[in-house]
Protein backbone atom coordinates (compact mmCIF):
# COMPACT_ATOMS: atom_id res chain seq x y z
CA MET A 1 4.38 17.57 -9.85
CA GLY A 2 1.44 15.50 -10.98
CA ARG A 3 -0.80 13.30 -9.05
CA ILE A 4 -1.14 9.47 -9.79
CA VAL A 5 -4.34 8.13 -8.26
CA ALA A 6 -5.30 4.46 -8.93
CA PRO A 7 -8.49 2.37 -8.23
CA VAL A 8 -7.72 -0.36 -5.54
CA VAL A 9 -9.83 -3.09 -3.96
CA ILE A 10 -8.80 -4.41 -0.47
CA ASN A 11 -10.25 -7.59 0.80
CA ASN A 12 -10.05 -9.41 4.11
CA THR A 13 -8.34 -12.66 3.13
CA ILE A 14 -10.44 -14.94 5.46
CA LYS A 15 -13.73 -13.18 4.91
CA PRO A 16 -13.58 -11.80 1.34
CA GLU A 17 -16.96 -10.27 1.49
CA TYR A 18 -15.44 -7.58 3.59
CA ARG A 19 -13.81 -5.10 1.27
CA ILE A 20 -12.83 -1.59 0.63
CA THR A 21 -13.05 -0.14 -2.91
CA CYS A 22 -11.44 3.18 -3.41
CA ASP A 23 -9.30 5.48 -5.40
CA ALA A 24 -5.90 6.02 -3.57
CA LEU A 25 -3.05 8.37 -4.16
CA VAL A 26 0.31 6.78 -5.13
CA ASP A 27 2.97 8.16 -2.72
CA THR A 28 6.60 6.71 -2.99
CA GLY A 29 7.40 8.34 0.30
CA VAL A 30 4.93 5.98 2.12
CA SER A 31 5.78 2.37 2.76
CA TYR A 32 2.41 0.70 3.32
CA MET A 33 -1.13 0.92 1.96
CA VAL A 34 -2.37 3.61 4.28
CA LEU A 35 -6.06 3.66 4.95
CA PRO A 36 -8.17 5.90 7.43
CA SER A 37 -8.97 4.25 10.71
CA ALA A 38 -12.72 5.20 10.11
CA TRP A 39 -12.63 2.47 7.37
CA LYS A 40 -11.32 -0.48 9.62
CA ASN A 41 -14.67 -2.01 10.15
CA LYS A 42 -15.28 -2.23 6.47
CA LEU A 43 -12.68 -5.13 6.52
CA GLY A 44 -14.64 -7.07 9.25
CA ASP A 45 -12.77 -8.74 12.12
CA ILE A 46 -9.18 -8.07 10.97
CA GLU A 47 -6.21 -8.88 13.06
CA THR A 48 -4.11 -5.99 14.52
CA VAL A 49 -0.47 -7.19 13.96
CA GLU A 50 1.18 -4.13 15.64
CA GLN A 51 0.61 -0.60 16.93
CA ILE A 52 3.37 1.65 15.63
CA GLU A 53 4.32 5.29 15.77
CA VAL A 54 4.52 7.03 12.27
CA GLU A 55 5.85 10.37 11.26
CA LEU A 56 4.13 12.59 8.69
CA ALA A 57 5.91 14.84 6.12
CA ASN A 58 5.46 17.77 8.54
CA GLN A 59 7.15 15.78 11.27
CA THR A 60 3.99 15.24 13.26
CA ALA A 61 3.89 11.89 15.01
CA LEU A 62 0.78 9.69 14.90
CA CYS A 63 -0.13 6.27 16.20
CA GLY A 64 -0.93 3.72 13.48
CA GLU A 65 -2.20 0.16 13.37
CA ILE A 66 -0.84 -2.34 11.13
CA CYS A 67 -3.50 -4.94 10.27
CA GLY A 68 -3.73 -8.00 8.11
CA PRO A 69 -3.39 -10.07 6.21
CA VAL A 70 -5.37 -8.55 3.26
CA LYS A 71 -5.51 -8.86 -0.39
CA ILE A 72 -4.75 -5.70 -2.24
CA GLN A 73 -5.44 -5.35 -5.99
CA ILE A 74 -4.55 -2.11 -7.77
CA GLU A 75 -6.40 -1.91 -11.02
CA GLY A 76 -4.46 -3.60 -13.90
CA PHE A 77 -1.85 -5.33 -11.63
CA ARG A 78 -1.51 -8.65 -9.98
CA PRO A 79 -3.14 -9.03 -6.50
CA ILE A 80 -0.89 -9.26 -3.54
CA TYR A 81 -1.39 -10.39 0.04
CA THR A 82 0.11 -8.00 2.66
CA GLU A 83 -0.65 -5.68 5.50
CA VAL A 84 -2.31 -2.31 5.58
CA LEU A 85 -1.74 0.64 7.96
CA PHE A 86 -4.59 2.34 9.47
CA ILE A 87 -4.10 5.97 10.83
CA ASP A 88 -6.46 8.74 12.02
CA MET A 89 -7.05 10.87 8.79
CA LYS A 90 -9.14 14.03 8.47
CA PRO A 91 -11.30 13.91 5.34
CA GLU A 92 -10.93 16.91 2.87
CA ASN A 93 -14.47 18.08 1.84
CA GLY A 94 -15.82 14.81 3.41
CA ILE A 95 -13.37 12.57 1.18
CA TYR A 96 -10.41 10.51 2.67
CA GLU A 97 -7.36 10.21 0.68
CA PRO A 98 -5.95 6.70 1.01
CA LEU A 99 -2.20 6.18 0.03
CA ILE A 100 -0.45 3.44 -1.98
CA GLY A 101 3.07 3.15 -0.73
CA TYR A 102 6.27 1.66 -2.24
CA ILE A 103 6.05 -1.80 -0.73
CA VAL A 104 2.70 -2.38 -2.30
CA LEU A 105 3.96 -1.04 -5.74
CA GLU A 106 7.14 -3.15 -5.66
CA GLN A 107 5.11 -6.33 -4.60
CA CYS A 108 2.47 -5.82 -7.45
CA GLN A 109 5.22 -4.88 -9.93
CA ALA A 110 3.96 -1.41 -10.62
CA GLY A 111 6.37 1.43 -11.30
CA VAL A 112 5.72 5.07 -11.43
CA ASP A 113 5.77 6.91 -14.89
CA MET A 114 6.43 10.42 -13.78
CA LEU A 115 6.23 11.88 -17.30
CA GLY A 116 2.95 10.08 -18.08
CA HIS A 117 1.52 10.48 -14.44
CA ARG A 118 0.62 6.89 -14.29
CA LEU A 119 1.52 3.42 -13.04
CA VAL A 120 3.25 0.94 -15.45
CA HIS A 121 4.04 -2.65 -15.14
CA ILE A 122 7.48 -3.61 -14.29
CA LYS A 123 8.67 -6.74 -16.19
CA ARG A 124 11.35 -7.97 -13.79
CA MET A 125 11.74 -7.83 -10.07
CA ASP A 126 15.12 -6.48 -8.90
CA LEU A 127 17.27 -9.10 -7.31
CA LYS A 128 20.62 -7.55 -8.34
CA LYS A 129 21.94 -7.69 -4.88
CA LEU A 130 20.89 -11.22 -4.46
CA PHE A 131 22.58 -12.09 -7.70
CA ASN A 132 25.97 -10.67 -6.43
CA LYS A 133 25.65 -12.64 -3.11
CA VAL A 134 24.96 -15.86 -5.17
CA LEU A 135 27.81 -15.15 -7.56
CA HIS A 136 30.30 -14.49 -4.67
CA SER A 137 29.21 -17.43 -2.62
CA GLY A 138 30.23 -19.92 -5.45
CA GLY A 139 26.64 -20.82 -5.94
């Protein structure tokens, strides 16, 4: 399976001069934009919304910190305003690998092209369940 890596800029929404610019791995098995805890200070004084427990693919449990709000812009897609998840990561060969999760992808209307190993723009947001509720409510 191929890897999809995309350039991303994450800004503190209150103090936009605090930012992180990085390449991040697209991982649809992850929900949030996941960043190494070592980078948290790069976003300045950002609010911790909640401490949570996360489970990794190997079933290891870690503590994470949801922080925000932040502005996230994946290159070529519209910016979104959301939260990020900081966890303790170990760099490989001195390099951290941040992750772009499915919530971020959906919000910025990015879809995964598995054959082309790239992100593509999704023209329409999926509201099919909402449509069914509206249709059945008589509205």
